[in-house]
Amino acid sequence: GRGFAFRRKQKIERQYRRLLRKRRKVHSQQDDQFTDTYPEHLKHLYLAEEEMLKKQRHRAPVNAVLSEEKVNKAEDTCTFSYRSVVTEGKFKKKTSNQKAKEEYEKIKAERARKKEEAEKRKQQREEAQRFYKQKKMEAYKILSKKTKKGQPNLNLQVEFLLQKIQQNT
């Protein structure tokens, strides 16, 4: 089982592993001076970034020369426009925060527009009601007039009906 011989065997194994680790550290320190080592789970990200930086270094001199030539041409012809500068540069992707802000602004503008329309409809409705009440009141005054003896004034009622018929035709 787990007697004296087993413990001795484990002790020797630990010493051997320690020795191997020390050798690896010595070798890795010498290697680290000249090369980059990345953690295994992030290695692909670092390598991709390295590639991108290499590509940018190669493109930079060419782009600088091209943009200087374009600026010189534009100055010579005096037709330099802001639009050409914008189209030369890459359009940057919007972050999620920028997208959310734009969405919020759209919703806010839509709400403001709907509110304004509702306010206009409300004013039109109130105006129509006021006009209707005014006409109704005039009609009531004409139709409710009485003679000195308290009888309804039929002459005014007939005139009112005549006006109403004339307006409809």
C-alpha atoms as a PDB file:
ATOM      1  CA  GLY A   1       0.000   0.000   0.000  1.00  0.00           C
ATOM      2  CA  ARG A   2       1.122   3.355   1.114  1.00  0.00           C
ATOM      3  CA  GLY A   3       4.112   2.503   3.180  1.00  0.00           C
ATOM      4  CA  PHE A   4       7.718   3.650   3.257  1.00  0.00           C
ATOM      5  CA  ALA A   5       8.535   2.664  -0.327  1.00  0.00           C
ATOM      6  CA  PHE A   6       5.543   4.564  -1.753  1.00  0.00           C
ATOM      7  CA  ARG A   7       6.448   7.797   0.081  1.00  0.00           C
ATOM      8  CA  ARG A   8      10.038   7.534  -1.051  1.00  0.00           C
ATOM      9  CA  LYS A   9       8.884   7.079  -4.640  1.00  0.00           C
ATOM     10  CA  GLN A  10       6.651  10.202  -4.416  1.00  0.00           C
ATOM     11  CA  LYS A  11       9.529  12.257  -2.947  1.00  0.00           C
ATOM     12  CA  ILE A  12      11.834  11.281  -5.802  1.00  0.00           C
ATOM     13  CA  GLU A  13       9.110  12.128  -8.367  1.00  0.00           C
ATOM     14  CA  ARG A  14       8.610  15.599  -6.811  1.00  0.00           C
ATOM     15  CA  GLN A  15      12.340  16.280  -6.874  1.00  0.00           C
ATOM     16  CA  TYR A  16      12.516  15.198 -10.502  1.00  0.00           C
ATOM     17  CA  ARG A  17       9.607  17.472 -11.465  1.00  0.00           C
ATOM     18  CA  ARG A  18      11.215  20.405  -9.640  1.00  0.00           C
ATOM     19  CA  LEU A  19      14.418  19.810 -11.524  1.00  0.00           C
ATOM     20  CA  LEU A  20      12.534  19.741 -14.849  1.00  0.00           C
ATOM     21  CA  ARG A  21      10.729  22.998 -13.988  1.00  0.00           C
ATOM     22  CA  LYS A  22      13.993  24.729 -13.134  1.00  0.00           C
ATOM     23  CA  ARG A  23      15.514  23.657 -16.435  1.00  0.00           C
ATOM     24  CA  ARG A  24      12.459  24.916 -18.333  1.00  0.00           C
ATOM     25  CA  LYS A  25      12.625  28.279 -16.566  1.00  0.00           C
ATOM     26  CA  VAL A  26      16.299  28.703 -17.452  1.00  0.00           C
ATOM     27  CA  HIS A  27      15.611  27.880 -21.099  1.00  0.00           C
ATOM     28  CA  SER A  28      12.467  29.996 -21.288  1.00  0.00           C
ATOM     29  CA  GLN A  29      14.207  33.045 -19.791  1.00  0.00           C
ATOM     30  CA  GLN A  30      16.842  32.859 -22.462  1.00  0.00           C
ATOM     31  CA  ASP A  31      14.183  32.461 -25.154  1.00  0.00           C
ATOM     32  CA  ASP A  32      12.003  35.268 -23.734  1.00  0.00           C
ATOM     33  CA  GLN A  33      14.706  37.815 -24.345  1.00  0.00           C
ATOM     34  CA  PHE A  34      14.277  37.458 -28.088  1.00  0.00           C
ATOM     35  CA  THR A  35      10.732  36.202 -28.700  1.00  0.00           C
ATOM     36  CA  ASP A  36       7.273  36.922 -27.313  1.00  0.00           C
ATOM     37  CA  THR A  37       5.333  34.136 -25.699  1.00  0.00           C
ATOM     38  CA  TYR A  38       1.619  34.582 -25.203  1.00  0.00           C
ATOM     39  CA  PRO A  39      -0.841  32.746 -22.982  1.00  0.00           C
ATOM     40  CA  GLU A  40      -2.321  29.837 -24.897  1.00  0.00           C
ATOM     41  CA  HIS A  41      -5.955  30.942 -24.625  1.00  0.00           C
ATOM     42  CA  LEU A  42      -5.128  34.453 -25.957  1.00  0.00           C
ATOM     43  CA  LYS A  43      -2.477  33.525 -28.490  1.00  0.00           C
ATOM     44  CA  HIS A  44      -4.747  33.858 -31.532  1.00  0.00           C
ATOM     45  CA  LEU A  45      -5.682  37.433 -30.552  1.00  0.00           C
ATOM     46  CA  TYR A  46      -2.083  38.560 -30.150  1.00  0.00           C
ATOM     47  CA  LEU A  47      -1.058  36.953 -33.428  1.00  0.00           C
ATOM     48  CA  ALA A  48      -3.939  38.564 -35.296  1.00  0.00           C
ATOM     49  CA  GLU A  49      -3.021  41.970 -33.861  1.00  0.00           C
ATOM     50  CA  GLU A  50       0.611  41.465 -34.881  1.00  0.00           C
ATOM     51  CA  GLU A  51      -0.473  40.671 -38.446  1.00  0.00           C
ATOM     52  CA  MET A  52      -2.689  43.756 -38.565  1.00  0.00           C
ATOM     53  CA  LEU A  53       0.148  45.991 -37.359  1.00  0.00           C
ATOM     54  CA  LYS A  54       2.490  44.536 -39.961  1.00  0.00           C
ATOM     55  CA  LYS A  55      -0.031  45.247 -42.710  1.00  0.00           C
ATOM     56  CA  GLN A  56      -0.511  48.807 -41.476  1.00  0.00           C
ATOM     57  CA  ARG A  57       3.231  49.423 -41.481  1.00  0.00           C
ATOM     58  CA  HIS A  58       3.434  48.266 -45.083  1.00  0.00           C
ATOM     59  CA  ARG A  59       0.449  50.385 -46.183  1.00  0.00           C
ATOM     60  CA  ALA A  60       1.332  53.585 -44.306  1.00  0.00           C
ATOM     61  CA  PRO A  61       4.070  54.892 -46.653  1.00  0.00           C
ATOM     62  CA  VAL A  62       1.949  54.233 -49.748  1.00  0.00           C
ATOM     63  CA  ASN A  63      -1.138  55.928 -48.261  1.00  0.00           C
ATOM     64  CA  ALA A  64       0.877  58.929 -47.094  1.00  0.00           C
ATOM     65  CA  VAL A  65       2.298  59.473 -50.579  1.00  0.00           C
ATOM     66  CA  LEU A  66      -1.107  59.068 -52.227  1.00  0.00           C
ATOM     67  CA  SER A  67      -2.871  61.463 -49.868  1.00  0.00           C
ATOM     68  CA  GLU A  68      -0.117  64.095 -50.331  1.00  0.00           C
ATOM     69  CA  GLU A  69      -0.491  63.830 -54.110  1.00  0.00           C
ATOM     70  CA  LYS A  70      -4.264  64.224 -53.867  1.00  0.00           C
ATOM     71  CA  VAL A  71      -3.948  67.279 -51.617  1.00  0.00           C
ATOM     72  CA  ASN A  72      -1.418  68.819 -53.995  1.00  0.00           C
ATOM     73  CA  LYS A  73      -3.701  68.168 -56.985  1.00  0.00           C
ATOM     74  CA  ALA A  74      -6.648  69.653 -55.133  1.00  0.00           C
ATOM     75  CA  GLU A  75      -4.681  72.770 -54.208  1.00  0.00           C
ATOM     76  CA  ASP A  76      -3.563  73.194 -57.813  1.00  0.00           C
ATOM     77  CA  THR A  77      -7.079  72.948 -59.221  1.00  0.00           C
ATOM     78  CA  CYS A  78      -8.711  74.767 -56.259  1.00  0.00           C
ATOM     79  CA  THR A  79     -11.582  72.275 -56.238  1.00  0.00           C
ATOM     80  CA  PHE A  80     -10.852  70.673 -52.876  1.00  0.00           C
ATOM     81  CA  SER A  81     -14.017  69.419 -51.248  1.00  0.00           C
ATOM     82  CA  TYR A  82     -14.665  68.007 -47.820  1.00  0.00           C
ATOM     83  CA  ARG A  83     -16.592  65.084 -49.321  1.00  0.00           C
ATOM     84  CA  SER A  84     -13.491  63.693 -51.059  1.00  0.00           C
ATOM     85  CA  VAL A  85     -11.584  63.628 -47.781  1.00  0.00           C
ATOM     86  CA  VAL A  86     -14.399  61.783 -46.054  1.00  0.00           C
ATOM     87  CA  THR A  87     -14.690  59.174 -48.797  1.00  0.00           C
ATOM     88  CA  GLU A  88     -10.956  58.485 -48.670  1.00  0.00           C
ATOM     89  CA  GLY A  89     -11.033  57.511 -44.995  1.00  0.00           C
ATOM     90  CA  LYS A  90     -12.683  54.349 -43.838  1.00  0.00           C
ATOM     91  CA  PHE A  91     -16.148  54.648 -42.376  1.00  0.00           C
ATOM     92  CA  LYS A  92     -15.872  53.551 -38.767  1.00  0.00           C
ATOM     93  CA  LYS A  93     -18.398  51.094 -37.391  1.00  0.00           C
ATOM     94  CA  LYS A  94     -20.742  52.480 -34.792  1.00  0.00           C
ATOM     95  CA  THR A  95     -20.447  51.240 -31.255  1.00  0.00           C
ATOM     96  CA  SER A  96     -23.444  49.787 -29.465  1.00  0.00           C
ATOM     97  CA  ASN A  97     -23.684  52.961 -27.383  1.00  0.00           C
ATOM     98  CA  GLN A  98     -23.835  55.119 -30.520  1.00  0.00           C
ATOM     99  CA  LYS A  99     -26.473  52.833 -32.019  1.00  0.00           C
ATOM    100  CA  ALA A 100     -28.518  53.024 -28.821  1.00  0.00           C
ATOM    101  CA  LYS A 101     -28.243  56.832 -28.804  1.00  0.00           C
ATOM    102  CA  GLU A 102     -29.382  57.024 -32.427  1.00  0.00           C
ATOM    103  CA  GLU A 103     -32.284  54.694 -31.705  1.00  0.00           C
ATOM    104  CA  TYR A 104     -33.224  56.806 -28.678  1.00  0.00           C
ATOM    105  CA  GLU A 105     -33.077  60.006 -30.765  1.00  0.00           C
ATOM    106  CA  LYS A 106     -35.310  58.433 -33.442  1.00  0.00           C
ATOM    107  CA  ILE A 107     -37.851  57.334 -30.837  1.00  0.00           C
ATOM    108  CA  LYS A 108     -37.710  60.745 -29.170  1.00  0.00           C
ATOM    109  CA  ALA A 109     -38.283  62.531 -32.508  1.00  0.00           C
ATOM    110  CA  GLU A 110     -41.151  60.179 -33.361  1.00  0.00           C
ATOM    111  CA  ARG A 111     -42.792  60.827 -29.992  1.00  0.00           C
ATOM    112  CA  ALA A 112     -42.385  64.588 -30.418  1.00  0.00           C
ATOM    113  CA  ARG A 113     -43.945  64.409 -33.902  1.00  0.00           C
ATOM    114  CA  LYS A 114     -46.896  62.344 -32.633  1.00  0.00           C
ATOM    115  CA  LYS A 115     -47.381  64.709 -29.709  1.00  0.00           C
ATOM    116  CA  GLU A 116     -47.391  67.703 -32.055  1.00  0.00           C
ATOM    117  CA  GLU A 117     -49.944  66.033 -34.352  1.00  0.00           C
ATOM    118  CA  ALA A 118     -52.161  65.188 -31.382  1.00  0.00           C
ATOM    119  CA  GLU A 119     -51.944  68.814 -30.204  1.00  0.00           C
ATOM    120  CA  LYS A 120     -52.978  70.074 -33.673  1.00  0.00           C
ATOM    121  CA  ARG A 121     -55.944  67.675 -33.794  1.00  0.00           C
ATOM    122  CA  LYS A 122     -56.993  68.754 -30.309  1.00  0.00           C
ATOM    123  CA  GLN A 123     -56.883  72.443 -31.304  1.00  0.00           C
ATOM    124  CA  GLN A 124     -58.879  71.748 -34.478  1.00  0.00           C
ATOM    125  CA  ARG A 125     -61.463  69.805 -32.482  1.00  0.00           C
ATOM    126  CA  GLU A 126     -61.767  72.605 -29.902  1.00  0.00           C
ATOM    127  CA  GLU A 127     -62.104  75.195 -32.680  1.00  0.00           C
ATOM    128  CA  ALA A 128     -64.830  73.135 -34.374  1.00  0.00           C
ATOM    129  CA  GLN A 129     -66.665  72.712 -31.066  1.00  0.00           C
ATOM    130  CA  ARG A 130     -66.465  76.448 -30.352  1.00  0.00           C
ATOM    131  CA  PHE A 131     -67.811  77.264 -33.831  1.00  0.00           C
ATOM    132  CA  TYR A 132     -70.610  74.681 -33.419  1.00  0.00           C
ATOM    133  CA  LYS A 133     -71.613  76.059 -29.999  1.00  0.00           C
ATOM    134  CA  GLN A 134     -71.603  79.603 -31.330  1.00  0.00           C
ATOM    135  CA  LYS A 135     -73.933  78.689 -34.223  1.00  0.00           C
ATOM    136  CA  LYS A 136     -76.171  76.684 -31.926  1.00  0.00           C
ATOM    137  CA  MET A 137     -76.396  79.623 -29.518  1.00  0.00           C
ATOM    138  CA  GLU A 138     -77.344  82.011 -32.330  1.00  0.00           C
ATOM    139  CA  ALA A 139     -80.016  79.588 -33.530  1.00  0.00           C
ATOM    140  CA  TYR A 140     -81.330  79.202 -29.988  1.00  0.00           C
ATOM    141  CA  LYS A 141     -81.533  82.976 -29.518  1.00  0.00           C
ATOM    142  CA  ILE A 142     -83.461  83.395 -32.768  1.00  0.00           C
ATOM    143  CA  LEU A 143     -85.800  80.478 -32.147  1.00  0.00           C
ATOM    144  CA  SER A 144     -86.465  81.293 -28.497  1.00  0.00           C
ATOM    145  CA  LYS A 145     -87.504  84.909 -29.048  1.00  0.00           C
ATOM    146  CA  LYS A 146     -91.032  85.673 -27.916  1.00  0.00           C
ATOM    147  CA  THR A 147     -93.558  88.354 -28.673  1.00  0.00           C
ATOM    148  CA  LYS A 148     -94.741  90.890 -26.064  1.00  0.00           C
ATOM    149  CA  LYS A 149     -97.542  88.533 -25.112  1.00  0.00           C
ATOM    150  CA  GLY A 150     -95.074  85.583 -24.655  1.00  0.00           C
ATOM    151  CA  GLN A 151     -95.918  83.728 -27.858  1.00  0.00           C
ATOM    152  CA  PRO A 152     -93.087  82.320 -30.065  1.00  0.00           C
ATOM    153  CA  ASN A 153     -92.050  84.715 -32.867  1.00  0.00           C
ATOM    154  CA  LEU A 154     -92.955  82.735 -35.965  1.00  0.00           C
ATOM    155  CA  ASN A 155     -91.591  85.387 -38.384  1.00  0.00           C
ATOM    156  CA  LEU A 156     -88.032  84.961 -37.002  1.00  0.00           C
ATOM    157  CA  GLN A 157     -88.342  81.174 -37.055  1.00  0.00           C
ATOM    158  CA  VAL A 158     -89.420  81.150 -40.711  1.00  0.00           C
ATOM    159  CA  GLU A 159     -86.578  83.537 -41.652  1.00  0.00           C
ATOM    160  CA  PHE A 160     -84.125  81.268 -39.843  1.00  0.00           C
ATOM    161  CA  LEU A 161     -85.387  78.215 -41.703  1.00  0.00           C
ATOM    162  CA  LEU A 162     -85.159  80.133 -45.004  1.00  0.00           C
ATOM    163  CA  GLN A 163     -81.526  81.082 -44.315  1.00  0.00           C
ATOM    164  CA  LYS A 164     -80.722  77.481 -43.446  1.00  0.00           C
ATOM    165  CA  ILE A 165     -82.246  76.225 -46.717  1.00  0.00           C
ATOM    166  CA  GLN A 166     -80.376  78.870 -48.727  1.00  0.00           C
ATOM    167  CA  GLN A 167     -77.052  77.927 -47.136  1.00  0.00           C
ATOM    168  CA  ASN A 168     -77.529  74.237 -47.936  1.00  0.00           C
ATOM    169  CA  THR A 169     -78.287  74.927 -51.638  1.00  0.00           C
END
